[in-house]
Amino acid sequence: MKTPSNYPLSIDNVNLQELDQHRIQMDVLRLDKIHPVISGNKWFKLKEWLAIAITEGRRHLVTFGGAWSNHIIAAACAAHHAGFSSTGIIRGERPANPSPTLLGAEEYGMQLVFISREEYRQKETPAFLASLATRHPDAIIIPEGGAGEPGIKGSMDILRQIDSSPYSHVLCAVGTGTTYKGLMAAAAPGQQVTGISVLTPPYHFGGYARHTAGLLDFMNTWYHATGIPSDIVYTGKLFYAALDMVRKDLFPPNSRLLLIHSGGLQGNRSLPPGTLHF
C-alpha cells in the first residue's frame, strides 16, 4: 500500500448556481483522497510525531480515541506501515460488538485498552502520562487527534503542498484545533483562515459527533450536486456552514474559497445502511 506522501493532492471546483449569484468561487481540497485509511488531515497531524519517534529510536506508538475515531484507525495503519507496534487507549468499556473502526485498528496490530470515561478525562494529567510512560518505556505518546506542536507543524504542509495564493479564504472544520493552527501558520499574507467549530453552535448540529436529519439531508443533496462525499462529524458541517455563510453574504463578492476536506468518511459507517447516498 502506498503511503499518503505518494498520493497527489487534488482540488475540486464546486459548481453551484447560488455561488455564481453571490459571485463566489468555491473549491475543495480533497485530502480524503490521499490514502484509503490514513486519509484527510490525519496523515499531516501524525507524520511529524512519527518522525520524532524514528529520530528518538522509539518503535511503539500510544494514542487515544473513541470507538469511531478517525485518528485511532489512521494511527494504527500508520504504525503498521512504519514497522511500529501500537496501543490505543479507548474511551469507555469494550462493546459487545466493536465498531468497524476498532476492528480495523486491531487488524493493523493495535492493542486496544479500554478505560472508563472518568479515567479517560484524566489522560492529559502528568500522573496518567507518567503511568503510561512507565508501562510503555519505548513508546511515543501521541495526544488524541495528533494534537500538539508536531501536529501543528505537520498541518502547515497542507497549504505548503499546493498553490494556495489564489484563495482569499481557507475554511476548515475545527475539533482539537490542530489543523486550524497549522493552516493559520502557513496562510499567505492577507489570506483569511476560518475555522468552523463542530463542538459549539451555530454549526455543531447537536454537538460533537452528533447529527440531525437536516444535516444528513444536506450531505446527500451536496453529494448529488457536487460529487463530493462528506462525513457526519466534520466535513458535512463544514460544507453546510460554508454555503450558509455565502447565503448570508459573509464573504465579499469575488472571494475565492478553499474548503479543506479532512477525510473521516469511515465514521459514516456508524449510520444505518442506506442513510447516505454514497
Protein backbone atom coordinates (compact mmCIF):
# COMPACT_ATOMS: atom_id res chain seq x y z
CA MET A 1 0.00 0.00 0.00
CA LYS A 2 1.25 3.47 -0.84
CA THR A 3 1.95 5.94 1.94
CA PRO A 4 -0.03 9.20 1.91
CA SER A 5 3.03 11.09 0.65
CA ASN A 6 2.71 9.17 -2.64
CA TYR A 7 -0.77 10.48 -3.36
CA PRO A 8 -1.04 13.82 -5.19
CA LEU A 9 -3.33 16.46 -3.71
CA SER A 10 -6.34 17.31 -5.87
CA ILE A 11 -8.73 20.26 -5.83
CA ASP A 12 -12.36 20.03 -6.96
CA ASN A 13 -14.37 23.03 -8.05
CA VAL A 14 -17.84 23.40 -6.57
CA ASN A 15 -20.16 24.45 -9.37
CA LEU A 16 -23.41 25.68 -7.82
CA GLN A 17 -25.71 28.33 -9.22
CA GLU A 18 -26.08 30.11 -5.89
CA LEU A 19 -22.32 30.63 -5.71
CA ASP A 20 -22.47 32.38 -9.10
CA GLN A 21 -25.33 34.51 -7.84
CA HIS A 22 -23.17 35.74 -4.95
CA ARG A 23 -20.05 35.98 -7.16
CA ILE A 24 -18.17 33.47 -5.03
CA GLN A 25 -15.81 30.74 -6.24
CA MET A 26 -15.53 27.65 -4.05
CA ASP A 27 -13.03 24.79 -4.29
CA VAL A 28 -12.47 21.74 -2.07
CA LEU A 29 -9.02 20.39 -1.29
CA ARG A 30 -9.64 16.64 -1.41
CA LEU A 31 -7.41 15.36 1.38
CA ASP A 32 -9.85 12.47 1.68
CA LYS A 33 -8.22 11.02 -1.45
CA ILE A 34 -4.62 10.85 -0.22
CA HIS A 35 -4.89 7.39 1.32
CA PRO A 36 -7.58 4.72 1.78
CA VAL A 37 -7.12 4.65 5.58
CA ILE A 38 -4.78 7.46 6.70
CA SER A 39 -7.00 9.97 4.97
CA GLY A 40 -7.55 13.68 5.22
CA ASN A 41 -5.67 15.73 7.78
CA LYS A 42 -4.83 12.63 9.83
CA TRP A 43 -1.59 11.98 7.97
CA PHE A 44 -0.46 15.58 8.31
CA LYS A 45 -1.08 15.52 12.06
CA LEU A 46 0.70 12.19 12.50
CA LYS A 47 3.76 12.44 10.28
CA GLU A 48 5.85 14.74 12.50
CA TRP A 49 5.08 12.60 15.54
CA LEU A 50 6.31 9.55 13.62
CA ALA A 51 9.44 11.43 12.56
CA ILE A 52 10.19 12.23 16.21
CA ALA A 53 9.70 8.59 17.18
CA ILE A 54 12.12 7.44 14.49
CA THR A 55 14.71 10.05 15.49
CA GLU A 56 14.47 9.03 19.14
CA GLY A 57 14.62 5.32 18.30
CA ARG A 58 11.14 4.57 19.58
CA ARG A 59 9.25 1.74 17.91
CA HIS A 60 5.95 1.84 19.76
CA LEU A 61 3.07 4.31 19.44
CA VAL A 62 0.47 5.01 22.11
CA THR A 63 -2.51 7.25 21.44
CA PHE A 64 -6.13 7.90 22.38
CA GLY A 65 -9.62 7.93 20.87
CA GLY A 66 -13.20 6.71 20.85
CA ALA A 67 -14.99 3.82 19.20
CA TRP A 68 -15.33 5.59 15.84
CA SER A 69 -12.14 7.63 15.99
CA ASN A 70 -10.61 8.53 12.64
CA HIS A 71 -7.37 9.14 14.48
CA ILE A 72 -7.25 5.65 16.01
CA ILE A 73 -7.63 3.79 12.73
CA ALA A 74 -5.20 6.16 10.97
CA ALA A 75 -2.61 5.83 13.74
CA ALA A 76 -2.92 2.04 13.74
CA CYS A 77 -2.42 1.90 9.97
CA ALA A 78 0.46 4.40 10.02
CA ALA A 79 2.20 2.49 12.81
CA HIS A 80 1.78 -0.79 10.94
CA HIS A 81 3.34 0.57 7.75
CA ALA A 82 6.16 2.23 9.70
CA GLY A 83 7.01 -1.07 11.40
CA PHE A 84 5.84 0.15 14.83
CA SER A 85 3.75 -1.65 17.39
CA SER A 86 0.85 0.39 18.73
CA THR A 87 -1.56 0.75 21.62
CA GLY A 88 -4.88 2.60 21.54
CA ILE A 89 -6.35 3.89 24.78
CA ILE A 90 -10.09 3.75 24.08
CA ARG A 91 -12.77 5.74 25.88
CA GLY A 92 -15.35 3.51 27.59
CA GLU A 93 -15.81 -0.21 28.08
CA ARG A 94 -15.22 -2.64 25.24
CA PRO A 95 -18.57 -3.03 23.45
CA ALA A 96 -20.08 -6.42 22.81
CA ASN A 97 -19.91 -5.62 19.09
CA PRO A 98 -16.85 -3.44 18.44
CA SER A 99 -17.14 -0.84 15.70
CA PRO A 100 -15.53 -1.45 12.30
CA THR A 101 -13.07 1.29 13.30
CA LEU A 102 -11.84 -0.66 16.32
CA LEU A 103 -11.81 -3.97 14.48
CA GLY A 104 -9.79 -2.36 11.70
CA ALA A 105 -7.31 -0.94 14.21
CA GLU A 106 -6.85 -4.41 15.70
CA GLU A 107 -6.27 -5.83 12.23
CA TYR A 108 -3.36 -3.40 11.89
CA GLY A 109 -1.94 -4.81 15.11
CA MET A 110 -3.04 -2.13 17.54
CA GLN A 111 -3.62 -3.36 21.08
CA LEU A 112 -6.78 -1.74 22.40
CA VAL A 113 -7.01 -0.81 26.07
CA PHE A 114 -10.46 0.27 27.25
CA ILE A 115 -10.74 2.62 30.22
CA SER A 116 -13.68 4.31 31.92
CA ARG A 117 -14.82 7.70 30.69
CA GLU A 118 -13.86 9.18 34.05
CA GLU A 119 -10.32 7.82 33.73
CA TYR A 120 -10.19 8.92 30.10
CA ARG A 121 -10.79 12.52 31.19
CA GLN A 122 -7.52 12.28 33.12
CA LYS A 123 -5.49 11.28 30.07
CA GLU A 124 -3.60 14.58 29.85
CA THR A 125 -2.67 14.78 33.53
CA PRO A 126 1.00 14.31 34.50
CA ALA A 127 0.16 11.33 36.69
CA PHE A 128 -1.70 9.49 33.92
CA LEU A 129 1.01 10.19 31.34
CA ALA A 130 3.75 9.14 33.77
CA SER A 131 1.94 5.85 34.35
CA LEU A 132 1.70 5.28 30.59
CA ALA A 133 5.38 6.07 30.12
CA THR A 134 6.28 3.55 32.82
CA ARG A 135 4.21 0.83 31.15
CA HIS A 136 5.49 1.69 27.67
CA PRO A 137 9.06 2.97 28.10
CA ASP A 138 9.90 2.66 24.40
CA ALA A 139 6.76 4.43 23.18
CA ILE A 140 5.99 7.85 21.84
CA ILE A 141 2.74 9.03 23.38
CA ILE A 142 0.64 10.98 20.87
CA PRO A 143 -2.25 13.10 22.16
CA GLU A 144 -5.78 12.45 20.94
CA GLY A 145 -6.20 13.60 17.35
CA GLY A 146 -2.46 14.13 16.89
CA ALA A 147 -2.67 17.41 18.80
CA GLY A 148 0.38 19.36 19.91
CA GLU A 149 3.21 21.21 18.21
CA PRO A 150 4.22 18.28 15.94
CA GLY A 151 0.62 18.01 14.72
CA ILE A 152 0.50 21.74 14.05
CA LYS A 153 3.83 21.63 12.21
CA GLY A 154 2.63 18.76 10.01
CA SER A 155 -0.65 20.53 9.28
CA MET A 156 1.25 23.51 7.88
CA ASP A 157 2.18 21.30 4.92
CA ILE A 158 -1.47 21.13 3.84
CA LEU A 159 -1.18 24.58 2.29
CA ARG A 160 2.52 24.31 1.50
CA GLN A 161 1.94 21.38 -0.86
CA ILE A 162 -0.41 23.35 -3.09
CA ASP A 163 -0.51 26.81 -4.62
CA SER A 164 -2.93 28.47 -2.20
CA SER A 165 -2.13 32.01 -3.31
CA PRO A 166 -5.30 32.46 -5.43
CA TYR A 167 -7.56 31.93 -2.41
CA SER A 168 -8.83 34.80 -0.29
CA HIS A 169 -10.31 32.46 2.33
CA VAL A 170 -9.44 28.99 3.66
CA LEU A 171 -12.07 27.14 5.68
CA CYS A 172 -11.71 24.02 7.81
CA ALA A 173 -13.66 22.13 10.44
CA VAL A 174 -12.30 22.53 13.97
CA GLY A 175 -12.17 19.83 16.63
CA THR A 176 -8.92 19.95 18.61
CA GLY A 177 -7.84 22.99 16.59
CA THR A 178 -4.58 21.39 15.46
CA THR A 179 -5.25 21.63 11.73
CA TYR A 180 -6.64 25.14 12.10
CA LYS A 181 -3.49 26.33 13.87
CA GLY A 182 -1.32 24.78 11.17
CA LEU A 183 -3.32 26.47 8.42
CA MET A 184 -3.12 29.79 10.25
CA ALA A 185 0.66 29.47 10.48
CA ALA A 186 1.03 28.61 6.78
CA ALA A 187 -1.52 31.04 5.33
CA ALA A 188 -0.35 33.67 2.88
CA PRO A 189 -0.36 37.33 3.92
CA GLY A 190 -3.90 38.68 3.78
CA GLN A 191 -5.40 35.21 3.46
CA GLN A 192 -8.22 34.63 5.95
CA VAL A 193 -8.45 31.24 7.68
CA THR A 194 -11.87 30.46 9.13
CA GLY A 195 -12.46 27.56 11.49
CA ILE A 196 -15.92 26.00 11.74
CA SER A 197 -16.35 24.53 15.21
CA VAL A 198 -18.01 21.11 15.34
CA LEU A 199 -18.23 21.42 19.14
CA THR A 200 -20.27 24.60 19.58
CA PRO A 201 -23.09 26.45 17.79
CA PRO A 202 -24.09 27.52 15.25
CA TYR A 203 -22.91 24.61 13.10
CA HIS A 204 -22.43 21.70 15.52
CA PHE A 205 -25.85 20.06 14.80
CA GLY A 206 -26.35 18.92 18.38
CA GLY A 207 -22.74 18.56 19.48
CA TYR A 208 -19.53 16.76 18.65
CA ALA A 209 -20.11 13.63 16.53
CA ARG A 210 -23.85 14.24 16.64
CA HIS A 211 -26.08 14.93 13.69
CA THR A 212 -29.63 15.77 12.72
CA ALA A 213 -31.88 14.64 9.89
CA GLY A 214 -31.31 18.05 8.37
CA LEU A 215 -27.56 17.52 8.24
CA LEU A 216 -27.98 14.11 6.60
CA ASP A 217 -30.34 15.59 4.01
CA PHE A 218 -27.81 18.32 3.27
CA MET A 219 -24.96 15.82 2.89
CA ASN A 220 -26.96 13.84 0.34
CA THR A 221 -28.03 16.97 -1.54
CA TRP A 222 -24.44 18.28 -1.54
CA TYR A 223 -23.15 14.96 -2.86
CA HIS A 224 -25.65 14.82 -5.71
CA ALA A 225 -24.83 18.42 -6.66
CA THR A 226 -21.03 18.24 -6.34
CA GLY A 227 -19.97 14.58 -6.32
CA ILE A 228 -18.06 15.22 -3.09
CA PRO A 229 -18.81 12.91 -0.13
CA SER A 230 -18.72 14.27 3.40
CA ASP A 231 -18.80 12.88 6.94
CA ILE A 232 -21.20 13.46 9.82
CA VAL A 233 -18.57 14.71 12.29
CA TYR A 234 -16.55 17.29 10.38
CA THR A 235 -16.91 17.94 6.66
CA GLY A 236 -20.70 17.73 6.42
CA LYS A 237 -20.86 20.56 8.94
CA LEU A 238 -18.06 22.46 7.20
CA PHE A 239 -19.74 22.37 3.79
CA TYR A 240 -23.09 23.34 5.29
CA ALA A 241 -21.51 26.26 7.13
CA ALA A 242 -19.66 27.50 4.04
CA LEU A 243 -22.82 27.62 1.95
CA ASP A 244 -24.78 29.21 4.78
CA MET A 245 -22.13 31.92 5.12
CA VAL A 246 -22.29 32.56 1.38
CA ARG A 247 -26.08 32.92 1.56
CA LYS A 248 -25.66 35.42 4.40
CA ASP A 249 -23.16 37.45 2.32
CA LEU A 250 -20.39 36.97 4.87
CA PHE A 251 -17.81 36.83 2.09
CA PRO A 252 -17.15 39.85 -0.15
CA PRO A 253 -18.08 39.44 -3.83
CA ASN A 254 -15.33 37.82 -5.92
CA SER A 255 -13.97 35.92 -2.91
CA ARG A 256 -12.32 32.63 -3.69
CA LEU A 257 -12.82 29.97 -1.01
CA LEU A 258 -10.78 26.84 -0.38
CA LEU A 259 -12.51 24.27 1.83
CA ILE A 260 -10.30 21.61 3.42
CA HIS A 261 -11.78 18.11 3.13
CA SER A 262 -10.31 16.49 6.23
CA GLY A 263 -11.37 12.95 5.37
CA GLY A 264 -13.02 10.89 8.10
CA LEU A 265 -15.52 9.20 5.81
CA GLN A 266 -15.09 5.91 7.66
CA GLY A 267 -17.08 7.38 10.55
CA ASN A 268 -20.20 7.29 8.40
CA ARG A 269 -20.26 3.55 8.96
CA SER A 270 -21.93 4.30 12.29
CA LEU A 271 -25.10 5.16 10.34
CA PRO A 272 -27.71 2.60 9.22
CA PRO A 273 -27.01 1.31 5.70
CA GLY A 274 -28.60 3.44 3.01
CA THR A 275 -28.77 6.60 5.12
CA LEU A 276 -26.27 8.31 2.86
CA HIS A 277 -26.27 8.02 -0.92
CA PHE A 278 -22.53 7.45 -1.22
